[in-house]
Amino acid sequence: MDAQGRGRADNIDPADQWVLNPNTGEYELRLTPSGAQPGVPRPRRGTPSAATRTRSAPARDRAAPGRDRDAPGRERDAPGTDVPGPRRRRAEPPEPLPGRRRGRNKPPKKSKAKKILLWTGGTMALVLVAVSGAAYAYLKHLEGNVSTTDVGSSGKSGFSKDEAFNLLIIGTDKRTGAGNTGYGDKNSVGHADTNILLHVSKDRTNATALSIPRDLIVDIPECRTKQADGTEKVIQGTDNVRFNTSLGQDDRNPGCTMDTVKAVTGITVDHFMMADFNAVKTLTSAVGGVEVCLAKNVDDENSHLKLSAGKHVIEGEQALAFVRTRHSFGNAGDLDRIKVQQQFLGSLMRKMSSSDTLTSPTKLISLAEAATKALTVDTGIGKVSTLKDMALELKKVPTKNITFTTVPVIDNPADGVVHKTVIVNPTTAPAVFDAIKDDVSFTAVKQKEKKEAAAVAARLKGSRSAASAVRVDIYNGGAQAGSAQETLNWLQNTEGVLKSSQLGNAPETLSKTTLEYSPDQADQARKLADLMGLSGSALKPGKSEKNSQGLPAIVLTLGKDFKGAGVPLSAPTKAPDVEKSTADKTVCAK
């Protein structure tokens, strides 16, 4: 009998048969074993059951010849105790045990451990077949819900559980889905109306959600899009336009938006997820509503949101109205609406990670259905198994360490008196972008390895050699072409490091610049670190090489973070002070 048929027969909701496995953090299908069949006698004491015989046989086959198969410290059964009892007819009651009166004493209860073993032996095969079949079929069903877009070189081809990742979340204003004809611009091709760059740290202790205003004036770079027939179309760039036109306008796809984010922030986007109006409605309904807070009464004639001051649980149409409301909050501009949206997303994250949601198979299944139907993603994460892996990695981040902030901006001076658009703040924005690129948390995260951090800092402490004593081989491991030669010229002609050589490209590409040296070259390494502006994390003790003259030399490999000869490469250890909020706290919209 299949899982659903079994649930109906026992008057059990099929969703309740999915049970959380605490060891894996995932749900597994558990089928309750059937009760004892009438007319089938239970085995006598001392007589192995069929399940026990079946279960124990392989273990014996695996035992090494001549070895005692009994667990250490246990005695073997007394001789004769493994002899089966006399046969009897099917309807005949079992013989009473010695010393007991027939019908008076109940048979001893099986221990909890024995019950578990019997359950495992009797039903595990059925469970494995049911789980593997149902899970595979359901995953394929969910995969059929997800829409994908090939963004080519704009994104990565896969997802790594061991690296930091940057996910661009795009909310479009396209009027797709039932009941959405009254929202947004009826002529919109689907612009990038809401944009959040989510950076998840490598150690999963923190994440930063950086909102990018739709009215930010940017230069959209040229982008290459894949067409339905497999051909490539190049869309020319456009200068001095709103960020939201990086999607939809001139047939631009999400890959063009990803390229624009990199052009503006310098941050490489790995993947994207795009959702329309329906996503807000279906996701909030799937989790049973999301709690929001208002500091004042709101009756917005544009979004049709009508709520009193205080806390409310909203879902569906009301949730969509909440995130679309602009004229009733702050200065009635898009920047204040972004704050409201951040508050809403923080509340949604709390609800999705709550025990009420995680322990409810019904809610999880509804959430999986809603999310996969509402999302369009790049082909690099188009499989449901990959989306699940990404979700589990994000789940590791405590909500108190998920920071919401916005690209620092100033009013666009080109607008004149009436400010309608903004531009990147050239004074404060670079520090925010650098912190995200360097995987620096915007919250106070406890260091997992204090000893390692102290050791890294200690690498810069100690004596320094003279620049003329530094012997270094320079490689290009991911920097711009010509960087190794540029660095060689700068070190020799400006800094007096005459014993330096440029040896071309490194065997592998590095994201960070490194300086490798042996213990007796530490004073040279510290001097070169001072000249290059390297942090302690860039220094790699324990290794060096012989230069062309056969003399020991430290090894400088320029990574993707190299900014030019003489430009310090020290990574920030503390994020800049910006206006922000965290996902664990409720902030009332004003």
Protein backbone atom coordinates (compact mmCIF):
# COMPACT_ATOMS: atom_id res chain seq x y z
CA MET A 1 0.00 0.00 0.00
CA ASP A 2 1.38 3.45 -0.82
CA ALA A 3 1.98 6.19 1.75
CA GLN A 4 -1.15 8.12 0.94
CA GLY A 5 -3.33 5.01 0.95
CA ARG A 6 -1.92 4.02 4.29
CA GLY A 7 -2.62 7.45 5.72
CA ARG A 8 -6.22 7.27 4.61
CA ALA A 9 -6.69 3.78 6.01
CA ASP A 10 -5.43 4.75 9.43
CA ASN A 11 -7.14 8.13 9.36
CA ILE A 12 -3.73 9.87 9.33
CA ASP A 13 -2.90 13.02 7.39
CA PRO A 14 -0.22 11.95 4.85
CA ALA A 15 1.77 15.08 5.69
CA ASP A 16 2.08 13.90 9.29
CA GLN A 17 4.05 10.88 8.13
CA TRP A 18 7.03 13.09 7.30
CA VAL A 19 9.16 13.21 10.44
CA LEU A 20 12.11 15.48 11.23
CA ASN A 21 15.36 13.55 11.57
CA PRO A 22 17.41 15.47 14.18
CA ASN A 23 20.66 13.98 12.88
CA THR A 24 20.29 15.31 9.34
CA GLY A 25 17.92 18.27 9.78
CA GLU A 26 15.75 16.91 6.95
CA TYR A 27 12.31 15.30 6.80
CA GLU A 28 11.92 11.57 6.17
CA LEU A 29 8.82 9.54 5.42
CA ARG A 30 7.98 7.26 8.36
CA LEU A 31 5.23 4.66 7.92
CA THR A 32 3.71 3.32 11.13
CA PRO A 33 3.99 -0.50 11.23
CA SER A 34 0.74 -2.41 10.91
CA GLY A 35 -0.70 -4.04 14.00
CA ALA A 36 -0.45 -7.75 14.66
CA GLN A 37 -2.53 -9.85 12.26
CA PRO A 38 -5.26 -12.00 13.85
CA GLY A 39 -4.61 -15.71 14.09
CA VAL A 40 -0.79 -15.37 13.81
CA PRO A 41 0.93 -16.56 17.00
CA ARG A 42 3.76 -14.57 18.48
CA PRO A 43 7.10 -16.43 18.69
CA ARG A 44 7.88 -18.19 21.94
CA ARG A 45 10.62 -16.92 24.20
CA GLY A 46 13.95 -18.25 23.13
CA THR A 47 12.74 -18.70 19.54
CA PRO A 48 14.17 -16.10 17.12
CA SER A 49 11.53 -14.32 15.07
CA ALA A 50 11.73 -14.26 11.29
CA ALA A 51 12.66 -10.57 11.42
CA THR A 52 15.40 -11.25 13.95
CA ARG A 53 16.78 -14.15 11.93
CA THR A 54 16.73 -12.07 8.77
CA ARG A 55 18.34 -9.13 10.51
CA SER A 56 21.11 -11.04 12.27
CA ALA A 57 22.19 -13.32 9.41
CA PRO A 58 24.20 -10.71 7.48
CA ALA A 59 26.02 -9.70 10.64
CA ARG A 60 27.22 -13.22 11.14
CA ASP A 61 28.29 -13.51 7.55
CA ARG A 62 30.47 -10.47 8.01
CA ALA A 63 32.16 -11.74 11.17
CA ALA A 64 35.81 -12.70 10.84
CA PRO A 65 36.52 -16.48 11.03
CA GLY A 66 37.50 -17.67 14.46
CA ARG A 67 36.39 -14.45 16.21
CA ASP A 68 33.95 -14.38 19.11
CA ARG A 69 30.74 -12.83 17.73
CA ASP A 70 29.40 -11.93 21.17
CA ALA A 71 29.78 -8.35 22.42
CA PRO A 72 32.62 -7.94 24.96
CA GLY A 73 31.57 -8.55 28.52
CA ARG A 74 28.48 -10.56 27.58
CA GLU A 75 28.01 -14.21 28.32
CA ARG A 76 26.82 -16.73 25.76
CA ASP A 77 23.38 -18.25 26.17
CA ALA A 78 23.24 -21.42 28.22
CA PRO A 79 23.34 -24.62 26.15
CA GLY A 80 19.97 -25.59 24.83
CA THR A 81 18.31 -22.20 25.08
CA ASP A 82 18.35 -21.74 21.32
CA VAL A 83 16.31 -24.92 20.69
CA PRO A 84 12.89 -24.04 19.24
CA GLY A 85 9.83 -25.11 21.23
CA PRO A 86 7.39 -27.78 20.15
CA ARG A 87 5.16 -27.11 17.16
CA ARG A 88 1.48 -26.42 17.71
CA ARG A 89 -1.59 -25.76 15.63
CA ARG A 90 -2.29 -22.23 14.38
CA ALA A 91 -5.36 -21.72 16.61
CA GLU A 92 -3.84 -23.36 19.68
CA PRO A 93 -2.79 -20.91 22.41
CA PRO A 94 0.89 -20.90 23.37
CA GLU A 95 2.08 -23.02 26.29
CA PRO A 96 2.40 -21.09 29.54
CA LEU A 97 5.88 -20.42 30.80
CA PRO A 98 7.09 -22.46 33.77
CA GLY A 99 6.01 -20.99 37.08
CA ARG A 100 3.15 -19.01 35.57
CA ARG A 101 -0.54 -19.72 35.58
CA ARG A 102 -2.30 -19.77 32.21
CA GLY A 103 -4.11 -16.52 31.48
CA ARG A 104 -3.15 -14.76 34.73
CA ASN A 105 0.19 -13.14 34.08
CA LYS A 106 0.75 -10.86 31.09
CA PRO A 107 3.83 -11.45 28.99
CA PRO A 108 6.68 -9.09 29.89
CA LYS A 109 6.76 -5.83 27.93
CA LYS A 110 9.42 -5.49 25.30
CA SER A 111 12.11 -2.96 26.16
CA LYS A 112 12.20 0.29 24.19
CA ALA A 113 15.41 -0.82 22.50
CA LYS A 114 13.83 -4.10 21.39
CA LYS A 115 10.78 -2.30 20.06
CA ILE A 116 13.01 -0.04 17.98
CA LEU A 117 14.96 -3.02 16.66
CA LEU A 118 11.79 -4.92 15.77
CA TRP A 119 10.35 -1.86 14.05
CA THR A 120 13.56 -1.41 12.11
CA GLY A 121 13.84 -5.03 11.11
CA GLY A 122 10.20 -5.41 10.14
CA THR A 123 9.54 -2.20 8.20
CA MET A 124 12.85 -0.62 7.17
CA ALA A 125 12.78 -2.14 3.70
CA LEU A 126 9.28 -0.77 3.12
CA VAL A 127 10.25 2.64 4.47
CA LEU A 128 13.35 2.85 2.27
CA VAL A 129 11.37 1.96 -0.83
CA ALA A 130 8.60 4.42 0.04
CA VAL A 131 10.99 7.25 0.94
CA SER A 132 13.26 6.85 -2.06
CA GLY A 133 10.33 6.58 -4.46
CA ALA A 134 8.22 9.35 -2.94
CA ALA A 135 11.16 11.71 -2.36
CA TYR A 136 12.49 11.29 -5.90
CA ALA A 137 9.06 11.79 -7.44
CA TYR A 138 8.38 14.83 -5.28
CA LEU A 139 11.76 16.42 -6.03
CA LYS A 140 11.14 15.97 -9.76
CA HIS A 141 7.71 17.53 -9.29
CA LEU A 142 9.22 20.55 -7.52
CA GLU A 143 11.89 20.90 -10.20
CA GLY A 144 9.10 21.16 -12.74
CA ASN A 145 7.80 24.19 -10.83
CA VAL A 146 11.07 26.16 -11.05
CA SER A 147 11.75 28.45 -14.02
CA THR A 148 15.39 28.98 -15.02
CA THR A 149 17.32 31.54 -17.05
CA ASP A 150 20.76 30.95 -18.54
CA VAL A 151 22.87 33.99 -17.61
CA GLY A 152 26.08 32.58 -19.10
CA SER A 153 29.28 34.03 -17.65
CA SER A 154 27.32 36.47 -15.47
CA GLY A 155 26.89 33.73 -12.85
CA LYS A 156 28.56 30.60 -11.55
CA SER A 157 27.88 27.14 -12.91
CA GLY A 158 27.24 25.57 -9.49
CA PHE A 159 27.03 26.10 -5.75
CA SER A 160 29.70 25.37 -3.12
CA LYS A 161 28.87 24.65 0.51
CA ASP A 162 32.40 25.62 1.55
CA GLU A 163 32.58 29.17 0.19
CA ALA A 164 30.94 32.53 0.81
CA PHE A 165 28.25 33.28 -1.77
CA ASN A 166 26.44 36.32 -3.15
CA LEU A 167 22.81 35.93 -4.18
CA LEU A 168 20.91 38.72 -5.94
CA ILE A 169 17.20 38.69 -5.04
CA ILE A 170 15.10 40.57 -7.59
CA GLY A 171 11.44 41.53 -7.22
CA THR A 172 9.86 42.57 -10.49
CA ASP A 173 6.87 44.81 -11.13
CA LYS A 174 5.52 42.64 -13.92
CA ARG A 175 1.77 41.98 -13.72
CA THR A 176 1.92 38.18 -13.88
CA GLY A 177 -0.43 35.91 -11.96
CA ALA A 178 -4.11 36.04 -11.16
CA GLY A 179 -5.38 39.13 -9.38
CA ASN A 180 -2.34 41.29 -10.14
CA THR A 181 -3.69 43.45 -12.95
CA GLY A 182 -4.19 46.38 -10.59
CA TYR A 183 -0.56 46.48 -9.40
CA GLY A 184 2.47 48.21 -10.83
CA ASP A 185 2.84 49.56 -14.35
CA LYS A 186 0.54 47.72 -16.74
CA ASN A 187 3.05 48.32 -19.55
CA SER A 188 6.08 47.13 -17.59
CA VAL A 189 8.17 44.34 -19.10
CA GLY A 190 9.28 43.45 -15.60
CA HIS A 191 11.84 45.90 -14.25
CA ALA A 192 14.08 45.34 -11.21
CA ASP A 193 11.71 46.99 -8.76
CA THR A 194 13.17 45.53 -5.53
CA ASN A 195 16.81 44.44 -5.35
CA ILE A 196 18.69 42.85 -2.46
CA LEU A 197 22.25 41.54 -2.68
CA LEU A 198 22.51 38.82 -0.03
CA HIS A 199 26.06 37.97 1.05
CA VAL A 200 26.43 34.82 3.19
CA SER A 201 29.78 34.53 4.96
CA LYS A 202 32.14 31.63 4.38
CA ASP A 203 31.89 30.43 8.00
CA ARG A 204 28.06 30.89 8.00
CA THR A 205 28.20 33.00 11.17
CA ASN A 206 26.65 36.04 9.48
CA ALA A 207 24.98 37.43 6.37
CA THR A 208 24.43 40.90 4.94
CA ALA A 209 21.37 41.89 2.88
CA LEU A 210 22.26 45.02 0.91
CA SER A 211 19.27 46.80 -0.67
CA ILE A 212 19.90 48.61 -3.96
CA PRO A 213 17.43 51.45 -4.67
CA ARG A 214 15.54 51.09 -7.93
CA ASP A 215 15.97 54.85 -8.55
CA LEU A 216 19.77 54.72 -8.20
CA ILE A 217 21.38 56.37 -11.24
CA VAL A 218 23.99 54.03 -12.75
CA ASP A 219 25.80 53.14 -15.95
CA ILE A 220 24.45 49.79 -17.17
CA PRO A 221 27.25 47.85 -18.88
CA GLU A 222 27.01 45.86 -22.08
CA CYS A 223 25.67 42.37 -21.40
CA ARG A 224 25.38 39.11 -23.31
CA THR A 225 22.10 37.24 -23.17
CA LYS A 226 21.23 33.69 -24.22
CA GLN A 227 18.28 33.39 -26.58
CA ALA A 228 15.74 30.56 -26.67
CA ASP A 229 17.38 29.07 -29.78
CA GLY A 230 20.77 28.95 -28.04
CA THR A 231 22.26 31.96 -29.83
CA GLU A 232 23.79 34.90 -28.00
CA LYS A 233 22.57 38.48 -28.20
CA VAL A 234 24.71 41.42 -27.11
CA ILE A 235 22.76 44.30 -25.56
CA GLN A 236 24.57 47.61 -25.56
CA GLY A 237 25.15 49.46 -22.31
CA THR A 238 23.32 52.62 -21.28
CA ASP A 239 24.76 55.44 -19.16
CA ASN A 240 23.10 57.62 -16.55
CA VAL A 241 19.85 55.65 -16.14
CA ARG A 242 17.85 54.17 -13.27
CA PHE A 243 19.06 50.86 -11.87
CA ASN A 244 15.67 49.20 -12.37
CA THR A 245 16.08 49.39 -16.16
CA SER A 246 18.92 46.85 -15.91
CA LEU A 247 16.15 44.24 -16.21
CA GLY A 248 13.47 44.08 -18.90
CA GLN A 249 14.45 47.24 -20.73
CA ASP A 250 15.83 46.47 -24.23
CA ASP A 251 15.30 42.73 -23.54
CA ARG A 252 17.79 42.66 -20.68
CA ASN A 253 17.67 39.53 -18.50
CA PRO A 254 18.72 39.04 -14.83
CA GLY A 255 22.30 38.46 -15.99
CA CYS A 256 22.39 42.12 -17.05
CA THR A 257 21.24 43.12 -13.56
CA MET A 258 23.98 40.96 -12.05
CA ASP A 259 26.56 42.66 -14.28
CA THR A 260 25.22 46.07 -13.24
CA VAL A 261 25.57 45.20 -9.54
CA LYS A 262 29.21 44.28 -10.11
CA ALA A 263 29.83 47.48 -12.09
CA VAL A 264 28.35 49.61 -9.28
CA THR A 265 29.70 47.79 -6.20
CA GLY A 266 32.66 45.75 -7.41
CA ILE A 267 31.02 42.67 -5.86
CA THR A 268 30.69 39.58 -8.06
CA VAL A 269 27.20 38.07 -7.98
CA ASP A 270 27.16 34.27 -8.03
CA HIS A 271 23.45 33.56 -8.55
CA PHE A 272 20.06 35.25 -8.73
CA MET A 273 16.49 34.55 -7.63
CA MET A 274 13.64 36.51 -9.18
CA ALA A 275 10.06 36.71 -7.96
CA ASP A 276 6.94 38.62 -8.95
CA PHE A 277 3.91 39.91 -7.02
CA ASN A 278 2.59 36.38 -6.51
CA ALA A 279 5.62 35.36 -4.44
CA VAL A 280 4.74 37.68 -1.56
CA LYS A 281 1.16 36.45 -1.50
CA THR A 282 1.83 32.73 -1.73
CA LEU A 283 4.86 32.57 0.57
CA THR A 284 3.17 34.47 3.39
CA SER A 285 0.10 32.27 3.13
CA ALA A 286 2.23 29.11 3.11
CA VAL A 287 3.74 29.95 6.52
CA GLY A 288 0.44 31.06 8.03
CA GLY A 289 1.08 34.80 7.92
CA VAL A 290 3.90 37.16 8.87
CA GLU A 291 3.89 39.53 11.84
CA VAL A 292 4.54 43.23 11.13
CA CYS A 293 4.40 46.33 13.28
CA LEU A 294 3.21 49.86 12.52
CA ALA A 295 3.99 52.93 14.60
CA LYS A 296 0.85 54.69 13.36
CA ASN A 297 -2.45 54.03 11.64
CA VAL A 298 -2.16 53.52 7.89
CA ASP A 299 -4.89 53.99 5.28
CA ASP A 300 -3.08 54.19 1.93
CA GLU A 301 -5.30 54.84 -1.08
CA ASN A 302 -2.56 53.80 -3.52
CA SER A 303 -1.64 50.38 -2.10
CA HIS A 304 -5.03 49.89 -0.36
CA LEU A 305 -3.29 49.01 2.91
CA LYS A 306 -5.49 49.75 5.92
CA LEU A 307 -4.05 48.79 9.33
CA SER A 308 -4.13 50.31 12.79
CA ALA A 309 -1.00 51.07 14.81
CA GLY A 310 0.56 48.06 16.51
CA LYS A 311 1.32 44.48 15.53
CA HIS A 312 -0.58 42.51 12.90
CA VAL A 313 -0.24 39.13 11.19
CA ILE A 314 -0.68 39.61 7.45
CA GLU A 315 -0.66 37.34 4.42
CA GLY A 316 -1.76 37.23 0.78
CA GLU A 317 -3.10 40.46 -0.69
CA GLN A 318 -2.60 42.35 2.56
CA ALA A 319 1.08 41.33 2.70
CA LEU A 320 1.61 42.51 -0.88
CA ALA A 321 -0.05 45.83 -0.05
CA PHE A 322 2.29 46.22 2.93
CA VAL A 323 5.52 45.83 0.93
CA ARG A 324 4.18 48.06 -1.86
CA THR A 325 3.15 50.92 0.42
CA ARG A 326 5.33 53.99 -0.05
CA HIS A 327 3.29 57.14 0.48
CA SER A 328 2.37 56.37 4.10
CA PHE A 329 5.89 55.80 5.48
CA GLY A 330 8.71 58.25 6.14
CA ASN A 331 9.13 60.85 3.43
CA ALA A 332 6.89 58.90 1.05
CA GLY A 333 9.93 57.91 -1.01
CA ASP A 334 11.47 54.65 -2.17
CA LEU A 335 14.24 54.73 0.46
CA ASP A 336 11.70 54.61 3.28
CA ARG A 337 9.77 51.85 1.53
CA ILE A 338 13.02 49.85 1.44
CA LYS A 339 13.18 49.99 5.25
CA VAL A 340 9.63 48.65 5.47
CA GLN A 341 10.49 45.85 3.06
CA GLN A 342 13.56 44.97 5.14
CA GLN A 343 11.39 44.78 8.25
CA PHE A 344 8.98 42.50 6.41
CA LEU A 345 11.74 40.19 5.14
CA GLY A 346 13.25 39.92 8.61
CA SER A 347 9.88 38.85 9.97
CA LEU A 348 9.44 36.36 7.11
CA MET A 349 12.86 34.86 7.88
CA ARG A 350 11.95 34.48 11.55
CA LYS A 351 8.69 32.77 10.65
CA MET A 352 10.30 30.42 8.14
CA SER A 353 12.97 29.36 10.67
CA SER A 354 10.56 29.04 13.60
CA SER A 355 9.80 25.66 15.14
CA ASP A 356 6.14 26.21 14.22
CA THR A 357 7.16 26.05 10.54
CA LEU A 358 10.08 23.62 10.68
CA THR A 359 8.14 20.97 12.60
CA SER A 360 5.07 21.14 10.37
CA PRO A 361 5.34 18.93 7.27
CA THR A 362 2.16 20.52 5.93
CA LYS A 363 3.64 24.03 6.12
CA LEU A 364 6.98 22.90 4.71
CA ILE A 365 5.34 21.22 1.75
CA SER A 366 3.17 24.28 1.12
CA LEU A 367 6.25 26.48 1.39
CA ALA A 368 8.20 24.30 -1.05
CA GLU A 369 5.32 24.42 -3.54
CA ALA A 370 4.88 28.19 -3.20
CA ALA A 371 8.60 28.98 -3.42
CA THR A 372 9.33 26.82 -6.45
CA LYS A 373 6.30 28.11 -8.35
CA ALA A 374 7.12 31.75 -7.56
CA LEU A 375 10.85 31.71 -8.35
CA THR A 376 12.95 32.09 -11.46
CA VAL A 377 16.63 31.24 -10.88
CA ASP A 378 19.80 30.87 -12.94
CA THR A 379 20.63 27.46 -14.36
CA GLY A 380 23.55 27.13 -11.93
CA ILE A 381 21.09 26.54 -9.06
CA GLY A 382 18.13 25.30 -11.09
CA LYS A 383 17.93 21.89 -9.42
CA VAL A 384 15.76 21.58 -6.32
CA SER A 385 18.54 19.65 -4.57
CA THR A 386 20.85 22.64 -5.08
CA LEU A 387 18.23 25.09 -3.85
CA LYS A 388 17.77 22.87 -0.79
CA ASP A 389 21.54 22.92 -0.14
CA MET A 390 21.59 26.71 -0.41
CA ALA A 391 18.63 27.03 1.97
CA LEU A 392 20.29 24.73 4.52
CA GLU A 393 23.49 26.80 4.38
CA LEU A 394 21.52 30.01 4.96
CA LYS A 395 19.65 28.30 7.80
CA LYS A 396 22.98 27.98 9.65
CA VAL A 397 23.19 31.79 10.02
CA PRO A 398 21.60 33.06 13.27
CA THR A 399 18.90 35.64 12.56
CA LYS A 400 20.59 38.03 14.99
CA ASN A 401 23.57 38.11 12.63
CA ILE A 402 21.59 38.77 9.42
CA THR A 403 22.04 42.49 8.77
CA PHE A 404 19.81 44.61 6.53
CA THR A 405 21.32 47.80 5.16
CA THR A 406 21.10 49.94 2.01
CA VAL A 407 23.67 51.24 -0.46
CA PRO A 408 24.75 54.64 0.93
CA VAL A 409 23.38 57.28 -1.43
CA ILE A 410 22.94 61.03 -1.80
CA ASP A 411 20.38 63.02 -3.78
CA ASN A 412 21.15 63.26 -7.48
CA PRO A 413 22.28 66.87 -8.08
CA ALA A 414 21.10 66.60 -11.69
CA ASP A 415 17.48 66.47 -10.50
CA GLY A 416 17.45 70.12 -9.46
CA VAL A 417 14.97 71.18 -6.78
CA VAL A 418 12.73 68.10 -6.92
CA HIS A 419 14.79 65.05 -5.99
CA LYS A 420 13.52 61.94 -7.75
CA THR A 421 16.69 59.86 -8.04
CA VAL A 422 19.86 59.16 -6.06
CA ILE A 423 23.52 58.39 -6.74
CA VAL A 424 26.08 56.32 -4.85
CA ASN A 425 27.66 58.25 -1.97
CA PRO A 426 31.33 58.34 -3.03
CA THR A 427 32.50 58.95 0.54
CA THR A 428 30.76 56.18 2.50
CA ALA A 429 29.69 53.53 -0.03
CA PRO A 430 33.16 52.12 -0.94
CA ALA A 431 33.77 50.99 2.65
CA VAL A 432 30.45 49.09 2.65
CA PHE A 433 31.26 47.39 -0.64
CA ASP A 434 34.78 46.47 0.55
CA ALA A 435 33.45 44.96 3.79
CA ILE A 436 31.13 42.67 1.84
CA LYS A 437 33.88 41.72 -0.64
CA ASP A 438 36.22 40.91 2.25
CA ASP A 439 33.59 38.83 4.08
CA VAL A 440 33.44 41.19 7.07
CA SER A 441 30.36 40.98 9.29
CA PHE A 442 28.18 44.01 10.03
CA THR A 443 27.25 42.44 13.38
CA ALA A 444 29.39 41.57 16.39
CA VAL A 445 30.16 37.93 15.58
CA LYS A 446 32.16 35.90 18.06
CA GLN A 447 35.39 34.66 16.51
CA LYS A 448 35.33 30.90 16.15
CA GLU A 449 39.08 30.57 16.39
CA LYS A 450 40.55 33.22 18.70
CA LYS A 451 43.92 31.49 18.84
CA GLU A 452 44.15 31.48 15.05
CA ALA A 453 43.24 35.17 14.89
CA ALA A 454 45.94 35.99 17.43
CA ALA A 455 48.46 33.92 15.47
CA VAL A 456 47.60 35.75 12.25
CA ALA A 457 48.08 39.14 13.91
CA ALA A 458 51.39 37.95 15.42
CA ARG A 459 52.86 37.34 11.97
CA LEU A 460 53.34 41.09 11.55
CA LYS A 461 55.12 41.45 14.90
CA GLY A 462 58.89 41.26 14.98
CA SER A 463 61.98 42.66 13.31
CA ARG A 464 62.14 43.90 9.72
CA SER A 465 65.00 43.49 7.28
CA ALA A 466 66.19 46.30 5.03
CA ALA A 467 64.41 46.59 1.70
CA SER A 468 67.66 45.80 -0.07
CA ALA A 469 67.81 42.42 1.73
CA VAL A 470 64.38 41.27 0.58
CA ARG A 471 64.62 38.54 -2.08
CA VAL A 472 61.22 37.93 -3.70
CA ASP A 473 59.72 36.15 -6.74
CA ILE A 474 56.51 37.73 -8.05
CA TYR A 475 53.67 35.84 -9.75
CA ASN A 476 50.32 36.97 -11.17
CA GLY A 477 47.62 34.77 -9.64
CA GLY A 478 44.48 36.55 -10.82
CA ALA A 479 45.31 40.28 -10.93
CA GLN A 480 44.99 42.40 -14.05
CA ALA A 481 47.39 41.53 -16.85
CA GLY A 482 50.74 43.26 -16.36
CA SER A 483 50.36 43.57 -12.57
CA ALA A 484 53.41 41.44 -11.78
CA GLN A 485 55.67 43.56 -13.98
CA GLU A 486 54.13 46.75 -12.59
CA THR A 487 54.83 45.56 -9.04
CA LEU A 488 58.41 44.59 -9.95
CA ASN A 489 59.10 48.04 -11.41
CA TRP A 490 57.60 49.75 -8.34
CA LEU A 491 59.53 47.62 -5.83
CA GLN A 492 62.88 48.09 -7.63
CA ASN A 493 62.60 51.73 -8.66
CA THR A 494 60.60 53.18 -5.75
CA GLU A 495 61.12 50.97 -2.71
CA GLY A 496 64.66 49.69 -3.26
CA VAL A 497 63.78 45.97 -3.36
CA LEU A 498 66.43 45.18 -5.96
CA LYS A 499 66.56 41.41 -5.42
CA SER A 500 63.15 40.88 -7.00
CA SER A 501 62.06 38.89 -10.04
CA GLN A 502 58.86 38.66 -12.09
CA LEU A 503 58.04 35.08 -13.10
CA GLY A 504 54.73 35.43 -14.98
CA ASN A 505 51.49 33.66 -14.14
CA ALA A 506 50.96 31.48 -11.08
CA PRO A 507 49.76 27.88 -11.60
CA GLU A 508 46.38 28.70 -10.05
CA THR A 509 44.07 31.69 -9.62
CA LEU A 510 43.77 33.20 -6.12
CA SER A 511 41.09 35.53 -4.78
CA LYS A 512 43.50 36.98 -2.21
CA THR A 513 47.14 38.06 -2.53
CA THR A 514 49.53 35.80 -0.59
CA LEU A 515 53.14 36.03 0.61
CA GLU A 516 54.82 32.69 1.33
CA TYR A 517 58.11 32.40 3.22
CA SER A 518 60.20 30.06 5.34
CA PRO A 519 60.78 30.74 9.09
CA ASP A 520 64.24 32.27 8.55
CA GLN A 521 62.75 34.75 6.06
CA ALA A 522 60.12 36.19 8.43
CA ASP A 523 61.94 39.53 8.74
CA GLN A 524 61.94 39.89 4.93
CA ALA A 525 58.25 38.96 4.74
CA ARG A 526 57.29 41.52 7.38
CA LYS A 527 59.20 44.24 5.48
CA LEU A 528 57.52 43.40 2.19
CA ALA A 529 54.13 43.24 3.93
CA ASP A 530 54.71 46.78 5.20
CA LEU A 531 55.58 47.98 1.71
CA MET A 532 52.63 46.21 0.06
CA GLY A 533 50.10 47.01 2.80
CA LEU A 534 49.38 43.31 3.41
CA SER A 535 47.42 42.03 6.41
CA GLY A 536 48.62 39.17 8.60
CA SER A 537 46.18 36.81 6.86
CA ALA A 538 48.09 37.26 3.58
CA LEU A 539 51.31 35.93 5.12
CA LYS A 540 51.77 32.17 4.72
CA PRO A 541 54.71 30.90 6.81
CA GLY A 542 56.43 27.59 6.11
CA LYS A 543 57.23 27.73 2.39
CA SER A 544 59.61 29.48 -0.01
CA GLU A 545 61.46 28.66 -3.24
CA LYS A 546 64.81 29.04 -4.98
CA ASN A 547 65.13 31.91 -7.43
CA SER A 548 66.92 31.79 -10.78
CA GLN A 549 70.31 32.09 -9.03
CA GLY A 550 69.47 29.17 -6.74
CA LEU A 551 69.04 31.44 -3.71
CA PRO A 552 66.06 31.22 -1.30
CA ALA A 553 63.30 33.71 -2.12
CA ILE A 554 59.93 34.52 -0.63
CA VAL A 555 56.97 34.15 -3.01
CA LEU A 556 54.51 36.99 -3.68
CA THR A 557 51.38 35.92 -5.62
CA LEU A 558 49.07 38.74 -6.67
CA GLY A 559 45.41 37.71 -6.35
CA LYS A 560 42.17 39.15 -7.66
CA ASP A 561 42.16 41.65 -4.79
CA PHE A 562 45.30 43.37 -6.07
CA LYS A 563 44.52 47.05 -6.65
CA GLY A 564 47.76 48.29 -8.15
CA ALA A 565 51.38 48.77 -7.15
CA GLY A 566 51.65 50.83 -3.98
CA VAL A 567 47.94 50.53 -3.12
CA PRO A 568 47.52 48.95 0.36
CA LEU A 569 45.84 45.56 0.40
CA SER A 570 45.02 45.33 4.10
CA ALA A 571 41.48 43.97 4.40
CA PRO A 572 39.17 45.69 6.87
CA THR A 573 38.49 43.77 10.06
CA LYS A 574 35.49 45.85 11.08
CA ALA A 575 32.55 46.94 8.96
CA PRO A 576 31.78 50.67 8.63
CA ASP A 577 29.14 52.26 10.81
CA VAL A 578 25.96 52.42 8.71
CA GLU A 579 22.23 52.57 9.32
CA LYS A 580 21.10 48.96 9.65
CA SER A 581 18.73 46.49 11.27
CA THR A 582 18.92 42.78 12.05
CA ALA A 583 16.51 39.98 11.22
CA ASP A 584 15.90 38.99 14.85
CA LYS A 585 14.29 42.27 15.89
CA THR A 586 10.92 43.79 15.07
CA VAL A 587 11.00 47.46 14.03
CA CYS A 588 7.71 49.30 13.72
CA ALA A 589 7.24 51.05 10.37
CA LYS A 590 6.89 54.82 10.77
